[in-house]
PDB file of N, CA and C in Angstrom:
ATOM      1  N   MET A   1     -40.235 -25.519  -2.372  1.00  0.00           N
ATOM      2  CA  MET A   1     -40.363 -25.780  -1.061  1.00  0.00           C
ATOM      3  C   MET A   1     -39.881 -24.755  -0.110  1.00  0.00           C
ATOM      4  N   GLN A   2     -40.612 -24.328   0.626  1.00  0.00           N
ATOM      5  CA  GLN A   2     -40.476 -23.219   1.701  1.00  0.00           C
ATOM      6  C   GLN A   2     -40.140 -23.998   2.951  1.00  0.00           C
ATOM      7  N   ILE A   3     -38.972 -23.732   3.567  1.00  0.00           N
ATOM      8  CA  ILE A   3     -38.705 -24.413   4.821  1.00  0.00           C
ATOM      9  C   ILE A   3     -38.855 -23.578   6.089  1.00  0.00           C
ATOM     10  N   ALA A   4     -39.491 -23.751   6.946  1.00  0.00           N
ATOM     11  CA  ALA A   4     -39.956 -23.089   8.063  1.00  0.00           C
ATOM     12  C   ALA A   4     -38.799 -23.513   9.266  1.00  0.00           C
ATOM     13  N   ILE A   5     -38.089 -22.473   9.989  1.00  0.00           N
ATOM     14  CA  ILE A   5     -37.434 -22.572  11.104  1.00  0.00           C
ATOM     15  C   ILE A   5     -37.782 -22.438  12.105  1.00  0.00           C
ATOM     16  N   GLN A   6     -38.187 -23.101  13.160  1.00  0.00           N
ATOM     17  CA  GLN A   6     -38.593 -22.720  14.600  1.00  0.00           C
ATOM     18  C   GLN A   6     -37.514 -23.016  15.451  1.00  0.00           C
ATOM     19  N   ILE A   7     -37.588 -22.193  16.344  1.00  0.00           N
ATOM     20  CA  ILE A   7     -36.528 -22.245  17.561  1.00  0.00           C
ATOM     21  C   ILE A   7     -37.092 -22.725  18.785  1.00  0.00           C
ATOM     22  N   SER A   8     -36.617 -23.640  19.588  1.00  0.00           N
ATOM     23  CA  SER A   8     -37.148 -23.828  20.882  1.00  0.00           C
ATOM     24  C   SER A   8     -36.598 -22.736  21.757  1.00  0.00           C
ATOM     25  N   PRO A   9     -37.464 -22.663  22.986  1.00  0.00           N
ATOM     26  CA  PRO A   9     -37.128 -21.842  23.927  1.00  0.00           C
ATOM     27  C   PRO A   9     -35.802 -22.026  24.701  1.00  0.00           C
ATOM     28  N   ARG A  10     -35.479 -23.504  24.693  1.00  0.00           N
ATOM     29  CA  ARG A  10     -34.176 -23.841  25.203  1.00  0.00           C
ATOM     30  C   ARG A  10     -33.139 -23.232  24.209  1.00  0.00           C
ATOM     31  N   ALA A  11     -33.320 -23.454  22.777  1.00  0.00           N
ATOM     32  CA  ALA A  11     -31.975 -23.060  21.947  1.00  0.00           C
ATOM     33  C   ALA A  11     -32.057 -21.525  22.072  1.00  0.00           C
ATOM     34  N   SER A  12     -33.233 -20.802  22.222  1.00  0.00           N
ATOM     35  CA  SER A  12     -33.452 -19.415  22.423  1.00  0.00           C
ATOM     36  C   SER A  12     -32.535 -18.784  23.515  1.00  0.00           C
ATOM     37  N   ARG A  13     -32.504 -19.405  24.633  1.00  0.00           N
ATOM     38  CA  ARG A  13     -31.777 -18.957  25.877  1.00  0.00           C
ATOM     39  C   ARG A  13     -30.021 -19.424  25.728  1.00  0.00           C
ATOM     40  N   GLU A  14     -30.149 -20.496  24.785  1.00  0.00           N
ATOM     41  CA  GLU A  14     -28.537 -20.999  24.733  1.00  0.00           C
ATOM     42  C   GLU A  14     -28.019 -19.915  23.515  1.00  0.00           C
ATOM     43  N   ILE A  15     -28.990 -19.374  22.483  1.00  0.00           N
ATOM     44  CA  ILE A  15     -28.358 -18.461  21.664  1.00  0.00           C
ATOM     45  C   ILE A  15     -27.941 -17.255  22.201  1.00  0.00           C
ATOM     46  N   ALA A  16     -29.042 -16.758  23.128  1.00  0.00           N
ATOM     47  CA  ALA A  16     -28.679 -15.492  23.881  1.00  0.00           C
ATOM     48  C   ALA A  16     -27.570 -15.309  24.716  1.00  0.00           C
ATOM     49  N   ALA A  17     -27.214 -16.567  25.473  1.00  0.00           N
ATOM     50  CA  ALA A  17     -26.097 -16.747  26.268  1.00  0.00           C
ATOM     51  C   ALA A  17     -24.934 -16.852  25.298  1.00  0.00           C
ATOM     52  N   GLY A  18     -24.845 -17.610  24.419  1.00  0.00           N
ATOM     53  CA  GLY A  18     -23.382 -17.656  23.384  1.00  0.00           C
ATOM     54  C   GLY A  18     -23.446 -16.195  22.835  1.00  0.00           C
ATOM     55  N   ASP A  19     -24.329 -15.643  22.454  1.00  0.00           N
ATOM     56  CA  ASP A  19     -24.152 -14.152  21.902  1.00  0.00           C
ATOM     57  C   ASP A  19     -23.432 -13.293  22.842  1.00  0.00           C
ATOM     58  N   ALA A  20     -23.981 -13.274  23.935  1.00  0.00           N
ATOM     59  CA  ALA A  20     -23.799 -12.380  25.155  1.00  0.00           C
ATOM     60  C   ALA A  20     -22.192 -12.923  25.383  1.00  0.00           C
ATOM     61  N   TRP A  21     -21.972 -13.950  25.546  1.00  0.00           N
ATOM     62  CA  TRP A  21     -20.478 -14.541  26.043  1.00  0.00           C
ATOM     63  C   TRP A  21     -19.487 -13.872  24.926  1.00  0.00           C
ATOM     64  N   TRP A  22     -20.017 -14.186  23.551  1.00  0.00           N
ATOM     65  CA  TRP A  22     -18.899 -13.772  22.442  1.00  0.00           C
ATOM     66  C   TRP A  22     -18.756 -12.488  22.446  1.00  0.00           C
ATOM     67  N   ARG A  23     -19.913 -11.680  22.658  1.00  0.00           N
ATOM     68  CA  ARG A  23     -19.526 -10.055  22.441  1.00  0.00           C
ATOM     69  C   ARG A  23     -18.757  -9.732  23.637  1.00  0.00           C
ATOM     70  N   GLN A  24     -18.859 -10.378  24.805  1.00  0.00           N
ATOM     71  CA  GLN A  24     -18.002  -9.798  25.954  1.00  0.00           C
ATOM     72  C   GLN A  24     -16.680 -10.256  25.830  1.00  0.00           C
ATOM     73  N   ASN A  25     -16.172 -11.414  25.133  1.00  0.00           N
ATOM     74  CA  ASN A  25     -15.105 -12.066  25.264  1.00  0.00           C
ATOM     75  C   ASN A  25     -14.355 -12.107  23.882  1.00  0.00           C
ATOM     76  N   ARG A  26     -14.976 -11.914  22.773  1.00  0.00           N
ATOM     77  CA  ARG A  26     -14.312 -11.749  21.583  1.00  0.00           C
ATOM     78  C   ARG A  26     -14.372 -10.340  20.915  1.00  0.00           C
ATOM     79  N   SER A  27     -13.663  -9.412  21.484  1.00  0.00           N
ATOM     80  CA  SER A  27     -13.843  -7.970  21.064  1.00  0.00           C
ATOM     81  C   SER A  27     -13.374  -7.780  19.550  1.00  0.00           C
ATOM     82  N   ALA A  28     -12.546  -8.483  19.013  1.00  0.00           N
ATOM     83  CA  ALA A  28     -12.065  -8.217  17.681  1.00  0.00           C
ATOM     84  C   ALA A  28     -13.165  -8.835  16.832  1.00  0.00           C
ATOM     85  N   ALA A  29     -14.011  -9.460  17.091  1.00  0.00           N
ATOM     86  CA  ALA A  29     -15.049 -10.012  16.043  1.00  0.00           C
ATOM     87  C   ALA A  29     -16.619 -10.119  16.982  1.00  0.00           C
ATOM     88  N   PRO A  30     -16.895  -9.329  17.437  1.00  0.00           N
ATOM     89  CA  PRO A  30     -18.132  -9.181  18.185  1.00  0.00           C
ATOM     90  C   PRO A  30     -19.311  -9.724  17.628  1.00  0.00           C
ATOM     91  N   GLU A  31     -19.557  -9.493  16.405  1.00  0.00           N
ATOM     92  CA  GLU A  31     -20.550 -10.125  15.665  1.00  0.00           C
ATOM     93  C   GLU A  31     -20.593 -11.601  15.034  1.00  0.00           C
ATOM     94  N   ARG A  32     -19.404 -12.336  15.223  1.00  0.00           N
ATOM     95  CA  ARG A  32     -19.037 -13.391  14.569  1.00  0.00           C
ATOM     96  C   ARG A  32     -19.876 -14.553  15.090  1.00  0.00           C
ATOM     97  N   PHE A  33     -20.679 -14.586  16.219  1.00  0.00           N
ATOM     98  CA  PHE A  33     -21.308 -15.754  16.761  1.00  0.00           C
ATOM     99  C   PHE A  33     -22.792 -15.688  15.995  1.00  0.00           C
ATOM    100  N   LYS A  34     -23.100 -14.281  15.892  1.00  0.00           N
ATOM    101  CA  LYS A  34     -24.464 -14.106  15.387  1.00  0.00           C
ATOM    102  C   LYS A  34     -24.316 -14.289  13.710  1.00  0.00           C
ATOM    103  N   HIS A  35     -22.980 -13.746  13.267  1.00  0.00           N
ATOM    104  CA  HIS A  35     -23.250 -14.107  11.735  1.00  0.00           C
ATOM    105  C   HIS A  35     -23.102 -15.375  11.391  1.00  0.00           C
ATOM    106  N   ASP A  36     -22.185 -16.206  12.422  1.00  0.00           N
ATOM    107  CA  ASP A  36     -22.169 -17.701  12.141  1.00  0.00           C
ATOM    108  C   ASP A  36     -23.656 -18.368  12.199  1.00  0.00           C
ATOM    109  N   LEU A  37     -24.364 -18.012  13.255  1.00  0.00           N
ATOM    110  CA  LEU A  37     -25.563 -18.574  13.406  1.00  0.00           C
ATOM    111  C   LEU A  37     -26.552 -18.340  12.397  1.00  0.00           C
ATOM    112  N   ASP A  38     -26.557 -17.037  11.970  1.00  0.00           N
ATOM    113  CA  ASP A  38     -27.513 -16.695  10.705  1.00  0.00           C
ATOM    114  C   ASP A  38     -26.865 -17.525   9.372  1.00  0.00           C
ATOM    115  N   SER A  39     -25.724 -17.827   9.253  1.00  0.00           N
ATOM    116  CA  SER A  39     -25.295 -18.464   7.926  1.00  0.00           C
ATOM    117  C   SER A  39     -25.944 -19.958   8.332  1.00  0.00           C
ATOM    118  N   VAL A  40     -25.782 -20.391   9.333  1.00  0.00           N
ATOM    119  CA  VAL A  40     -26.475 -22.194   9.571  1.00  0.00           C
ATOM    120  C   VAL A  40     -27.978 -21.961   9.433  1.00  0.00           C
ATOM    121  N   MET A  41     -28.604 -20.883   9.822  1.00  0.00           N
ATOM    122  CA  MET A  41     -30.003 -20.866   9.572  1.00  0.00           C
ATOM    123  C   MET A  41     -30.255 -20.710   8.177  1.00  0.00           C
ATOM    124  N   GLU A  42     -29.571 -19.751   7.382  1.00  0.00           N
ATOM    125  CA  GLU A  42     -29.961 -19.785   5.907  1.00  0.00           C
ATOM    126  C   GLU A  42     -29.490 -21.089   5.468  1.00  0.00           C
ATOM    127  N   HIS A  43     -28.504 -21.833   5.811  1.00  0.00           N
ATOM    128  CA  HIS A  43     -28.069 -23.031   5.163  1.00  0.00           C
ATOM    129  C   HIS A  43     -29.299 -23.943   5.367  1.00  0.00           C
ATOM    130  N   LEU A  44     -29.904 -24.067   6.572  1.00  0.00           N
ATOM    131  CA  LEU A  44     -31.080 -24.920   7.047  1.00  0.00           C
ATOM    132  C   LEU A  44     -32.109 -24.736   6.046  1.00  0.00           C
ATOM    133  N   THR A  45     -32.396 -23.617   5.402  1.00  0.00           N
ATOM    134  CA  THR A  45     -33.357 -23.296   4.715  1.00  0.00           C
ATOM    135  C   THR A  45     -33.444 -23.735   3.132  1.00  0.00           C
ATOM    136  N   THR A  46     -32.089 -24.214   3.009  1.00  0.00           N
ATOM    137  CA  THR A  46     -31.975 -24.805   1.554  1.00  0.00           C
ATOM    138  C   THR A  46     -31.381 -26.333   1.631  1.00  0.00           C
ATOM    139  N   LEU A  47     -30.919 -26.541   2.576  1.00  0.00           N
ATOM    140  CA  LEU A  47     -30.363 -28.090   2.845  1.00  0.00           C
ATOM    141  C   LEU A  47     -30.287 -28.501   4.148  1.00  0.00           C
ATOM    142  N   PRO A  48     -31.730 -28.657   4.545  1.00  0.00           N
ATOM    143  CA  PRO A  48     -31.832 -28.911   6.077  1.00  0.00           C
ATOM    144  C   PRO A  48     -31.674 -30.564   6.338  1.00  0.00           C
ATOM    145  N   GLY A  49     -31.490 -31.351   5.466  1.00  0.00           N
ATOM    146  CA  GLY A  49     -31.162 -32.618   5.536  1.00  0.00           C
ATOM    147  C   GLY A  49     -29.657 -32.932   5.685  1.00  0.00           C
ATOM    148  N   SER A  50     -28.555 -31.951   5.584  1.00  0.00           N
ATOM    149  CA  SER A  50     -27.261 -32.061   5.424  1.00  0.00           C
ATOM    150  C   SER A  50     -26.427 -32.145   6.580  1.00  0.00           C
ATOM    151  N   GLY A  51     -27.176 -31.974   7.920  1.00  0.00           N
ATOM    152  CA  GLY A  51     -26.419 -31.802   9.034  1.00  0.00           C
ATOM    153  C   GLY A  51     -26.121 -33.631   9.484  1.00  0.00           C
ATOM    154  N   VAL A  52     -25.224 -33.684  10.333  1.00  0.00           N
ATOM    155  CA  VAL A  52     -24.645 -34.976  10.811  1.00  0.00           C
ATOM    156  C   VAL A  52     -25.928 -35.716  11.580  1.00  0.00           C
ATOM    157  N   PRO A  53     -26.295 -36.777  11.164  1.00  0.00           N
ATOM    158  CA  PRO A  53     -27.317 -37.599  12.227  1.00  0.00           C
ATOM    159  C   PRO A  53     -26.656 -37.880  13.390  1.00  0.00           C
ATOM    160  N   ILE A  54     -27.639 -37.622  14.463  1.00  0.00           N
ATOM    161  CA  ILE A  54     -27.243 -37.932  16.025  1.00  0.00           C
ATOM    162  C   ILE A  54     -27.883 -39.097  16.496  1.00  0.00           C
ATOM    163  N   ASP A  55     -27.384 -40.008  16.868  1.00  0.00           N
ATOM    164  CA  ASP A  55     -27.897 -41.281  17.630  1.00  0.00           C
ATOM    165  C   ASP A  55     -28.144 -41.022  19.017  1.00  0.00           C
ATOM    166  N   ASN A  56     -28.924 -41.895  19.702  1.00  0.00           N
ATOM    167  CA  ASN A  56     -28.937 -42.193  21.110  1.00  0.00           C
ATOM    168  C   ASN A  56     -29.355 -40.830  21.683  1.00  0.00           C
ATOM    169  N   THR A  57     -30.634 -40.260  21.037  1.00  0.00           N
ATOM    170  CA  THR A  57     -31.225 -39.229  21.597  1.00  0.00           C
ATOM    171  C   THR A  57     -32.830 -39.683  21.870  1.00  0.00           C
ATOM    172  N   LYS A  58     -33.324 -39.097  22.895  1.00  0.00           N
ATOM    173  CA  LYS A  58     -34.662 -39.240  23.009  1.00  0.00           C
ATOM    174  C   LYS A  58     -35.540 -38.799  22.213  1.00  0.00           C
ATOM    175  N   ALA A  59     -35.547 -37.750  21.341  1.00  0.00           N
ATOM    176  CA  ALA A  59     -36.085 -37.255  20.267  1.00  0.00           C
ATOM    177  C   ALA A  59     -35.430 -38.029  18.881  1.00  0.00           C
ATOM    178  N   SER A  60     -36.394 -38.071  17.866  1.00  0.00           N
ATOM    179  CA  SER A  60     -36.060 -38.663  16.747  1.00  0.00           C
ATOM    180  C   SER A  60     -35.422 -37.733  15.544  1.00  0.00           C
ATOM    181  N   ASN A  61     -34.873 -38.294  14.636  1.00  0.00           N
ATOM    182  CA  ASN A  61     -34.269 -37.549  13.596  1.00  0.00           C
ATOM    183  C   ASN A  61     -33.553 -36.287  13.986  1.00  0.00           C
ATOM    184  N   VAL A  62     -32.630 -36.383  15.034  1.00  0.00           N
ATOM    185  CA  VAL A  62     -31.774 -35.127  15.283  1.00  0.00           C
ATOM    186  C   VAL A  62     -30.631 -35.128  14.429  1.00  0.00           C
ATOM    187  N   ARG A  63     -30.320 -33.933  13.973  1.00  0.00           N
ATOM    188  CA  ARG A  63     -29.157 -33.730  12.962  1.00  0.00           C
ATOM    189  C   ARG A  63     -28.453 -32.597  13.946  1.00  0.00           C
ATOM    190  N   ARG A  64     -26.949 -32.411  13.689  1.00  0.00           N
ATOM    191  CA  ARG A  64     -26.242 -31.331  14.040  1.00  0.00           C
ATOM    192  C   ARG A  64     -25.429 -30.656  13.012  1.00  0.00           C
ATOM    193  N   LEU A  65     -25.017 -29.406  13.103  1.00  0.00           N
ATOM    194  CA  LEU A  65     -24.409 -28.578  12.036  1.00  0.00           C
ATOM    195  C   LEU A  65     -23.404 -27.875  12.789  1.00  0.00           C
ATOM    196  N   ARG A  66     -22.293 -27.367  12.664  1.00  0.00           N
ATOM    197  CA  ARG A  66     -21.172 -26.662  13.314  1.00  0.00           C
ATOM    198  C   ARG A  66     -21.122 -25.193  12.572  1.00  0.00           C
ATOM    199  N   LEU A  67     -21.480 -24.444  13.726  1.00  0.00           N
ATOM    200  CA  LEU A  67     -20.875 -22.776  13.431  1.00  0.00           C
ATOM    201  C   LEU A  67     -19.315 -23.030  12.684  1.00  0.00           C
ATOM    202  N   LYS A  68     -19.212 -22.202  11.691  1.00  0.00           N
ATOM    203  CA  LYS A  68     -18.072 -21.943  11.161  1.00  0.00           C
ATOM    204  C   LYS A  68     -16.950 -21.468  11.831  1.00  0.00           C
ATOM    205  N   HIS A  69     -17.146 -20.452  12.826  1.00  0.00           N
ATOM    206  CA  HIS A  69     -15.842 -19.896  13.684  1.00  0.00           C
ATOM    207  C   HIS A  69     -15.990 -20.365  15.105  1.00  0.00           C
ATOM    208  N   ALA A  70     -17.255 -19.982  15.458  1.00  0.00           N
ATOM    209  CA  ALA A  70     -17.444 -20.339  16.987  1.00  0.00           C
ATOM    210  C   ALA A  70     -17.691 -21.741  17.117  1.00  0.00           C
ATOM    211  N   ASP A  71     -17.212 -22.366  18.207  1.00  0.00           N
ATOM    212  CA  ASP A  71     -17.059 -23.592  18.397  1.00  0.00           C
ATOM    213  C   ASP A  71     -18.292 -24.133  18.977  1.00  0.00           C
ATOM    214  N   TYR A  72     -19.546 -23.876  18.370  1.00  0.00           N
ATOM    215  CA  TYR A  72     -21.040 -24.313  18.927  1.00  0.00           C
ATOM    216  C   TYR A  72     -21.545 -25.152  17.518  1.00  0.00           C
ATOM    217  N   HIS A  73     -22.332 -26.190  18.125  1.00  0.00           N
ATOM    218  CA  HIS A  73     -23.128 -26.978  17.288  1.00  0.00           C
ATOM    219  C   HIS A  73     -24.562 -26.529  17.407  1.00  0.00           C
ATOM    220  N   VAL A  74     -25.226 -26.488  16.413  1.00  0.00           N
ATOM    221  CA  VAL A  74     -26.837 -26.418  16.305  1.00  0.00           C
ATOM    222  C   VAL A  74     -27.460 -27.795  16.030  1.00  0.00           C
ATOM    223  N   TYR A  75     -28.192 -28.259  17.131  1.00  0.00           N
ATOM    224  CA  TYR A  75     -29.034 -29.519  16.999  1.00  0.00           C
ATOM    225  C   TYR A  75     -30.130 -29.135  16.547  1.00  0.00           C
ATOM    226  N   TYR A  76     -30.722 -30.055  15.724  1.00  0.00           N
ATOM    227  CA  TYR A  76     -31.985 -29.678  15.228  1.00  0.00           C
ATOM    228  C   TYR A  76     -32.803 -30.781  14.452  1.00  0.00           C
ATOM    229  N   GLN A  77     -34.236 -30.943  14.407  1.00  0.00           N
ATOM    230  CA  GLN A  77     -34.616 -31.807  13.781  1.00  0.00           C
ATOM    231  C   GLN A  77     -35.531 -31.529  12.248  1.00  0.00           C
ATOM    232  N   TYR A  78     -35.537 -32.051  11.476  1.00  0.00           N
ATOM    233  CA  TYR A  78     -36.114 -31.759  10.180  1.00  0.00           C
ATOM    234  C   TYR A  78     -37.375 -32.739   9.836  1.00  0.00           C
ATOM    235  N   ASP A  79     -38.402 -32.276   9.427  1.00  0.00           N
ATOM    236  CA  ASP A  79     -39.691 -33.011   9.276  1.00  0.00           C
ATOM    237  C   ASP A  79     -39.868 -32.794   8.022  1.00  0.00           C
ATOM    238  N   GLU A  80     -39.500 -33.847   6.939  1.00  0.00           N
ATOM    239  CA  GLU A  80     -39.702 -33.625   5.328  1.00  0.00           C
ATOM    240  C   GLU A  80     -41.181 -33.244   5.212  1.00  0.00           C
ATOM    241  N   GLN A  81     -42.120 -33.986   5.776  1.00  0.00           N
ATOM    242  CA  GLN A  81     -43.511 -33.950   5.514  1.00  0.00           C
ATOM    243  C   GLN A  81     -43.985 -32.361   5.683  1.00  0.00           C
ATOM    244  N   SER A  82     -43.678 -31.567   6.708  1.00  0.00           N
ATOM    245  CA  SER A  82     -44.115 -30.365   7.007  1.00  0.00           C
ATOM    246  C   SER A  82     -43.268 -29.306   6.513  1.00  0.00           C
ATOM    247  N   SER A  83     -42.021 -29.937   6.085  1.00  0.00           N
ATOM    248  CA  SER A  83     -40.736 -28.803   5.692  1.00  0.00           C
ATOM    249  C   SER A  83     -40.566 -28.003   6.579  1.00  0.00           C
ATOM    250  N   ASN A  84     -40.801 -28.296   8.184  1.00  0.00           N
ATOM    251  CA  ASN A  84     -40.176 -27.654   9.066  1.00  0.00           C
ATOM    252  C   ASN A  84     -38.757 -28.036   9.722  1.00  0.00           C
ATOM    253  N   VAL A  85     -38.035 -27.257  10.263  1.00  0.00           N
ATOM    254  CA  VAL A  85     -36.842 -27.450  11.008  1.00  0.00           C
ATOM    255  C   VAL A  85     -37.152 -26.994  12.250  1.00  0.00           C
ATOM    256  N   ASN A  86     -36.822 -27.639  13.333  1.00  0.00           N
ATOM    257  CA  ASN A  86     -37.118 -27.301  14.853  1.00  0.00           C
ATOM    258  C   ASN A  86     -35.637 -27.254  15.534  1.00  0.00           C
ATOM    259  N   VAL A  87     -35.030 -26.027  15.656  1.00  0.00           N
ATOM    260  CA  VAL A  87     -33.846 -26.143  16.254  1.00  0.00           C
ATOM    261  C   VAL A  87     -34.111 -26.167  18.101  1.00  0.00           C
ATOM    262  N   LEU A  88     -33.186 -27.340  18.225  1.00  0.00           N
ATOM    263  CA  LEU A  88     -33.631 -27.983  19.757  1.00  0.00           C
ATOM    264  C   LEU A  88     -32.655 -27.174  20.694  1.00  0.00           C
ATOM    265  N   ALA A  89     -31.231 -27.019  20.338  1.00  0.00           N
ATOM    266  CA  ALA A  89     -30.269 -26.575  21.216  1.00  0.00           C
ATOM    267  C   ALA A  89     -29.011 -25.883  20.090  1.00  0.00           C
ATOM    268  N   VAL A  90     -28.435 -25.022  20.998  1.00  0.00           N
ATOM    269  CA  VAL A  90     -27.355 -24.512  20.402  1.00  0.00           C
ATOM    270  C   VAL A  90     -26.179 -24.594  21.721  1.00  0.00           C
ATOM    271  N   TRP A  91     -25.390 -25.476  21.478  1.00  0.00           N
ATOM    272  CA  TRP A  91     -24.382 -26.162  22.476  1.00  0.00           C
ATOM    273  C   TRP A  91     -23.002 -26.028  22.129  1.00  0.00           C
ATOM    274  N   HIS A  92     -22.218 -25.531  22.943  1.00  0.00           N
ATOM    275  CA  HIS A  92     -20.637 -25.424  22.765  1.00  0.00           C
ATOM    276  C   HIS A  92     -19.987 -26.814  22.637  1.00  0.00           C
ATOM    277  N   ALA A  93     -19.349 -26.866  21.727  1.00  0.00           N
ATOM    278  CA  ALA A  93     -18.824 -28.470  21.461  1.00  0.00           C
ATOM    279  C   ALA A  93     -17.655 -28.592  22.314  1.00  0.00           C
ATOM    280  N   ARG A  94     -17.275 -27.763  23.090  1.00  0.00           N
ATOM    281  CA  ARG A  94     -16.141 -28.203  24.012  1.00  0.00           C
ATOM    282  C   ARG A  94     -16.259 -28.510  25.547  1.00  0.00           C
ATOM    283  N   ARG A  95     -17.776 -28.692  25.522  1.00  0.00           N
ATOM    284  CA  ARG A  95     -18.451 -29.147  26.828  1.00  0.00           C
ATOM    285  C   ARG A  95     -18.056 -30.682  27.092  1.00  0.00           C
ATOM    286  N   GLY A  96     -17.589 -31.396  26.108  1.00  0.00           N
ATOM    287  CA  GLY A  96     -17.277 -32.784  26.338  1.00  0.00           C
ATOM    288  C   GLY A  96     -18.272 -33.663  26.289  1.00  0.00           C
ATOM    289  N   ARG A  97     -19.634 -33.214  25.995  1.00  0.00           N
ATOM    290  CA  ARG A  97     -20.886 -34.051  25.948  1.00  0.00           C
ATOM    291  C   ARG A  97     -21.813 -33.456  25.146  1.00  0.00           C
ATOM    292  N   ARG A  98     -22.774 -34.132  24.720  1.00  0.00           N
ATOM    293  CA  ARG A  98     -23.878 -33.500  23.875  1.00  0.00           C
ATOM    294  C   ARG A  98     -24.972 -32.987  24.667  1.00  0.00           C
ATOM    295  N   PRO A  99     -25.892 -32.201  24.163  1.00  0.00           N
ATOM    296  CA  PRO A  99     -26.917 -31.800  25.069  1.00  0.00           C
ATOM    297  C   PRO A  99     -27.869 -32.930  25.294  1.00  0.00           C
ATOM    298  N   LYS A 100     -28.565 -32.962  26.335  1.00  0.00           N
ATOM    299  CA  LYS A 100     -29.737 -33.909  26.562  1.00  0.00           C
ATOM    300  C   LYS A 100     -30.899 -33.500  25.623  1.00  0.00           C
ATOM    301  N   ILE A 101     -31.240 -34.305  24.873  1.00  0.00           N
ATOM    302  CA  ILE A 101     -32.411 -33.721  23.959  1.00  0.00           C
ATOM    303  C   ILE A 101     -33.221 -34.928  23.786  1.00  0.00           C
TER     304      ILE A 101
END
């Protein structure tokens, strides 16, 4: 089964902002954010249902995975019938709240 990953425009903006912040503020490991995000994306292609289910969202079947070193969560939906993963948001966990999805 081939899993296709789609990244929403919102998630694309959040990824760009997170990567830029990480490169500017984490000079000892400027590639860490991108590396961690790539690892999560790879994980989603093999185990898309493994994220933590998130309740109380407007969207259905939302799950979350945490980046290993960067304190960000990837919020996504997985549609088993179409084998698609839709990344909805990439959100810093210390914001004290979840993204509105």
